[in-house]
Amino acid sequence: MFTLNGETLEVSLPQGKTNEELLSLAAAELEGLKSSFYGLNLKITGRITTHLAMFLGHELAHITKSVNLFDPKENVYFKVISHS
């Protein structure tokens, strides 16, 4: 579901899952990856649901310098949260 390349977290959603199932999978997978995110200006790319975007932003805001989401329509990353 998640692949970390440098400061970019690539998301690929499994097919046929509900939002609750996606959040459960994401939470389990994040536990194993959290130590990799400390101090990063993390960029998240890939197709994700609004629920998953909110969950990732909240969870990762506590351990990263910033969380940025990619908007393919604008072709830009938007900073959704940062710590000074």
N, C-alpha and C. Protein backbone atom coordinates (compact mmCIF):
# COMPACT_ATOMS: atom_id res chain seq x y z
N MET A 1 0.82 -1.19 0.00
CA MET A 1 0.00 0.00 0.00
C MET A 1 0.87 1.26 0.00
N PHE A 2 1.98 1.25 0.75
CA PHE A 2 2.88 2.40 0.83
C PHE A 2 4.28 2.02 0.38
N THR A 3 4.91 2.94 -0.37
CA THR A 3 6.30 2.80 -0.76
C THR A 3 6.98 4.13 -0.49
N LEU A 4 8.04 4.12 0.31
CA LEU A 4 8.77 5.35 0.62
C LEU A 4 10.00 5.45 -0.26
N ASN A 5 10.08 6.51 -1.06
CA ASN A 5 11.23 6.80 -1.92
C ASN A 5 11.78 8.16 -1.52
N GLY A 6 12.82 8.16 -0.73
CA GLY A 6 13.36 9.43 -0.25
C GLY A 6 12.36 10.09 0.68
N GLU A 7 11.87 11.28 0.29
CA GLU A 7 10.86 11.99 1.08
C GLU A 7 9.47 11.86 0.46
N THR A 8 9.29 10.95 -0.49
CA THR A 8 7.99 10.78 -1.15
C THR A 8 7.38 9.44 -0.75
N LEU A 9 6.15 9.52 -0.25
CA LEU A 9 5.39 8.33 0.10
C LEU A 9 4.40 8.07 -1.02
N GLU A 10 4.61 6.98 -1.75
CA GLU A 10 3.72 6.62 -2.85
C GLU A 10 2.65 5.67 -2.31
N VAL A 11 1.39 6.01 -2.60
CA VAL A 11 0.26 5.23 -2.12
C VAL A 11 -0.40 4.51 -3.29
N SER A 12 -0.65 3.22 -3.12
CA SER A 12 -1.43 2.48 -4.11
C SER A 12 -2.49 1.70 -3.34
N LEU A 13 -3.75 2.02 -3.60
CA LEU A 13 -4.85 1.43 -2.86
C LEU A 13 -5.25 0.08 -3.43
N PRO A 14 -5.49 -0.90 -2.55
CA PRO A 14 -6.01 -2.17 -3.02
C PRO A 14 -7.47 -2.00 -3.47
N GLN A 15 -7.88 -2.78 -4.43
CA GLN A 15 -9.23 -2.69 -4.97
C GLN A 15 -10.24 -3.35 -4.04
N GLY A 16 -11.48 -2.84 -4.07
CA GLY A 16 -12.59 -3.47 -3.39
C GLY A 16 -12.60 -3.36 -1.88
N LYS A 17 -11.93 -2.36 -1.31
CA LYS A 17 -11.89 -2.19 0.14
C LYS A 17 -12.77 -1.00 0.54
N THR A 18 -13.40 -1.10 1.70
CA THR A 18 -14.17 0.02 2.23
C THR A 18 -13.20 1.01 2.88
N ASN A 19 -13.69 2.21 3.20
CA ASN A 19 -12.84 3.20 3.87
C ASN A 19 -12.32 2.67 5.20
N GLU A 20 -13.17 1.96 5.93
CA GLU A 20 -12.76 1.42 7.22
C GLU A 20 -11.64 0.38 7.04
N GLU A 21 -11.76 -0.46 6.02
CA GLU A 21 -10.72 -1.46 5.75
C GLU A 21 -9.42 -0.79 5.32
N LEU A 22 -9.53 0.26 4.50
CA LEU A 22 -8.34 1.00 4.07
C LEU A 22 -7.62 1.63 5.25
N LEU A 23 -8.39 2.25 6.16
CA LEU A 23 -7.78 2.87 7.33
C LEU A 23 -7.10 1.84 8.22
N SER A 24 -7.73 0.69 8.36
CA SER A 24 -7.14 -0.38 9.17
C SER A 24 -5.83 -0.87 8.56
N LEU A 25 -5.83 -1.08 7.25
CA LEU A 25 -4.61 -1.50 6.55
C LEU A 25 -3.52 -0.44 6.66
N ALA A 26 -3.91 0.82 6.48
CA ALA A 26 -2.95 1.92 6.54
C ALA A 26 -2.33 2.03 7.93
N ALA A 27 -3.16 1.92 8.97
CA ALA A 27 -2.65 2.02 10.34
C ALA A 27 -1.64 0.91 10.63
N ALA A 28 -1.96 -0.29 10.20
CA ALA A 28 -1.05 -1.42 10.44
C ALA A 28 0.26 -1.23 9.69
N GLU A 29 0.19 -0.79 8.45
CA GLU A 29 1.41 -0.63 7.66
C GLU A 29 2.25 0.55 8.15
N LEU A 30 1.59 1.63 8.61
CA LEU A 30 2.32 2.80 9.11
C LEU A 30 3.14 2.47 10.34
N GLU A 31 2.66 1.58 11.19
CA GLU A 31 3.40 1.23 12.40
C GLU A 31 4.81 0.75 12.06
N GLY A 32 4.95 0.00 10.99
CA GLY A 32 6.26 -0.50 10.60
C GLY A 32 7.13 0.52 9.90
N LEU A 33 6.51 1.61 9.43
CA LEU A 33 7.26 2.62 8.67
C LEU A 33 7.54 3.90 9.44
N LYS A 34 6.88 4.10 10.58
CA LYS A 34 6.95 5.40 11.26
C LYS A 34 8.37 5.88 11.52
N SER A 35 9.27 5.00 11.87
CA SER A 35 10.64 5.44 12.17
C SER A 35 11.32 6.03 10.93
N SER A 36 10.84 5.70 9.74
CA SER A 36 11.42 6.22 8.50
C SER A 36 10.98 7.66 8.20
N PHE A 37 9.95 8.15 8.88
CA PHE A 37 9.37 9.45 8.57
C PHE A 37 9.90 10.60 9.42
N TYR A 38 10.62 10.30 10.50
CA TYR A 38 11.04 11.35 11.43
C TYR A 38 11.86 12.44 10.74
N GLY A 39 11.40 13.68 10.92
CA GLY A 39 12.12 14.84 10.41
C GLY A 39 12.01 15.10 8.92
N LEU A 40 11.19 14.35 8.21
CA LEU A 40 11.06 14.54 6.75
C LEU A 40 10.05 15.64 6.42
N ASN A 41 10.26 16.28 5.28
CA ASN A 41 9.24 17.09 4.63
C ASN A 41 8.54 16.13 3.67
N LEU A 42 7.61 15.37 4.21
CA LEU A 42 7.02 14.24 3.50
C LEU A 42 6.06 14.67 2.41
N LYS A 43 6.23 14.07 1.24
CA LYS A 43 5.34 14.30 0.10
C LYS A 43 4.56 13.03 -0.14
N ILE A 44 3.23 13.14 -0.21
CA ILE A 44 2.37 11.98 -0.44
C ILE A 44 1.80 12.08 -1.84
N THR A 45 1.95 11.02 -2.61
CA THR A 45 1.45 10.99 -3.98
C THR A 45 0.70 9.68 -4.21
N GLY A 46 -0.16 9.69 -5.20
CA GLY A 46 -0.97 8.52 -5.53
C GLY A 46 -2.43 8.81 -5.28
N ARG A 47 -3.28 7.94 -5.78
CA ARG A 47 -4.72 8.11 -5.60
C ARG A 47 -5.11 7.65 -4.21
N ILE A 48 -5.68 8.56 -3.42
CA ILE A 48 -6.12 8.20 -2.07
C ILE A 48 -7.49 8.79 -1.81
N THR A 49 -8.19 8.19 -0.86
CA THR A 49 -9.51 8.69 -0.49
C THR A 49 -9.34 9.89 0.46
N THR A 50 -10.39 10.66 0.60
CA THR A 50 -10.36 11.79 1.53
C THR A 50 -10.14 11.29 2.95
N HIS A 51 -10.80 10.20 3.33
CA HIS A 51 -10.62 9.63 4.67
C HIS A 51 -9.17 9.27 4.91
N LEU A 52 -8.55 8.64 3.94
CA LEU A 52 -7.16 8.22 4.09
C LEU A 52 -6.23 9.43 4.13
N ALA A 53 -6.51 10.45 3.34
CA ALA A 53 -5.69 11.66 3.36
C ALA A 53 -5.74 12.33 4.73
N MET A 54 -6.93 12.41 5.31
CA MET A 54 -7.07 13.01 6.64
C MET A 54 -6.33 12.18 7.70
N PHE A 55 -6.47 10.87 7.61
CA PHE A 55 -5.80 9.97 8.55
C PHE A 55 -4.28 10.12 8.45
N LEU A 56 -3.76 10.08 7.24
CA LEU A 56 -2.31 10.20 7.04
C LEU A 56 -1.80 11.55 7.53
N GLY A 57 -2.51 12.61 7.19
CA GLY A 57 -2.10 13.94 7.64
C GLY A 57 -2.01 14.02 9.15
N HIS A 58 -3.02 13.49 9.82
CA HIS A 58 -3.04 13.53 11.29
C HIS A 58 -1.93 12.67 11.89
N GLU A 59 -1.81 11.44 11.43
CA GLU A 59 -0.81 10.53 11.99
C GLU A 59 0.62 11.01 11.73
N LEU A 60 0.88 11.49 10.53
CA LEU A 60 2.24 11.84 10.15
C LEU A 60 2.64 13.24 10.61
N ALA A 61 1.68 14.09 10.93
CA ALA A 61 1.99 15.43 11.40
C ALA A 61 2.76 15.41 12.71
N HIS A 62 2.60 14.36 13.48
CA HIS A 62 3.27 14.27 14.78
C HIS A 62 4.75 13.91 14.67
N ILE A 63 5.18 13.38 13.51
CA ILE A 63 6.56 12.90 13.42
C ILE A 63 7.35 13.50 12.26
N THR A 64 6.70 14.25 11.39
CA THR A 64 7.41 14.84 10.25
C THR A 64 7.53 16.35 10.43
N LYS A 65 8.38 16.97 9.64
CA LYS A 65 8.46 18.43 9.61
C LYS A 65 7.24 19.00 8.92
N SER A 66 6.83 18.34 7.82
CA SER A 66 5.65 18.79 7.09
C SER A 66 5.06 17.62 6.31
N VAL A 67 3.77 17.74 5.99
CA VAL A 67 3.07 16.77 5.16
C VAL A 67 2.54 17.53 3.95
N ASN A 68 2.86 17.02 2.77
CA ASN A 68 2.46 17.66 1.52
C ASN A 68 1.72 16.64 0.66
N LEU A 69 0.58 17.04 0.10
CA LEU A 69 -0.21 16.16 -0.76
C LEU A 69 -0.12 16.63 -2.20
N PHE A 70 0.01 15.68 -3.12
CA PHE A 70 0.10 16.00 -4.54
C PHE A 70 -1.28 16.17 -5.13
N ASP A 71 -1.47 17.25 -5.89
CA ASP A 71 -2.71 17.49 -6.62
C ASP A 71 -2.39 17.36 -8.11
N PRO A 72 -2.85 16.28 -8.75
CA PRO A 72 -2.51 16.06 -10.16
C PRO A 72 -3.13 17.09 -11.10
N LYS A 73 -4.26 17.68 -10.72
CA LYS A 73 -4.88 18.70 -11.59
C LYS A 73 -4.01 19.94 -11.67
N GLU A 74 -3.41 20.31 -10.56
CA GLU A 74 -2.54 21.49 -10.51
C GLU A 74 -1.08 21.13 -10.76
N ASN A 75 -0.76 19.83 -10.69
CA ASN A 75 0.61 19.34 -10.85
C ASN A 75 1.56 19.97 -9.83
N VAL A 76 1.11 19.98 -8.58
CA VAL A 76 1.88 20.61 -7.51
C VAL A 76 1.58 19.91 -6.19
N TYR A 77 2.53 19.98 -5.25
CA TYR A 77 2.32 19.50 -3.89
C TYR A 77 1.81 20.66 -3.04
N PHE A 78 0.76 20.43 -2.27
CA PHE A 78 0.24 21.41 -1.34
C PHE A 78 0.62 21.01 0.07
N LYS A 79 1.22 21.95 0.80
CA LYS A 79 1.60 21.70 2.18
C LYS A 79 0.33 21.75 3.02
N VAL A 80 0.01 20.65 3.68
CA VAL A 80 -1.21 20.60 4.47
C VAL A 80 -0.96 20.81 5.95
N ILE A 81 0.27 20.57 6.40
CA ILE A 81 0.61 20.85 7.80
C ILE A 81 2.14 20.95 7.89
N SER A 82 2.61 21.84 8.77
CA SER A 82 4.05 21.93 8.97
C SER A 82 4.35 22.38 10.41
N HIS A 83 5.55 22.07 10.85
CA HIS A 83 6.04 22.47 12.15
C HIS A 83 7.26 23.34 11.93
N SER A 84 7.31 24.46 12.60
CA SER A 84 8.45 25.37 12.45
C SER A 84 9.59 24.98 13.35
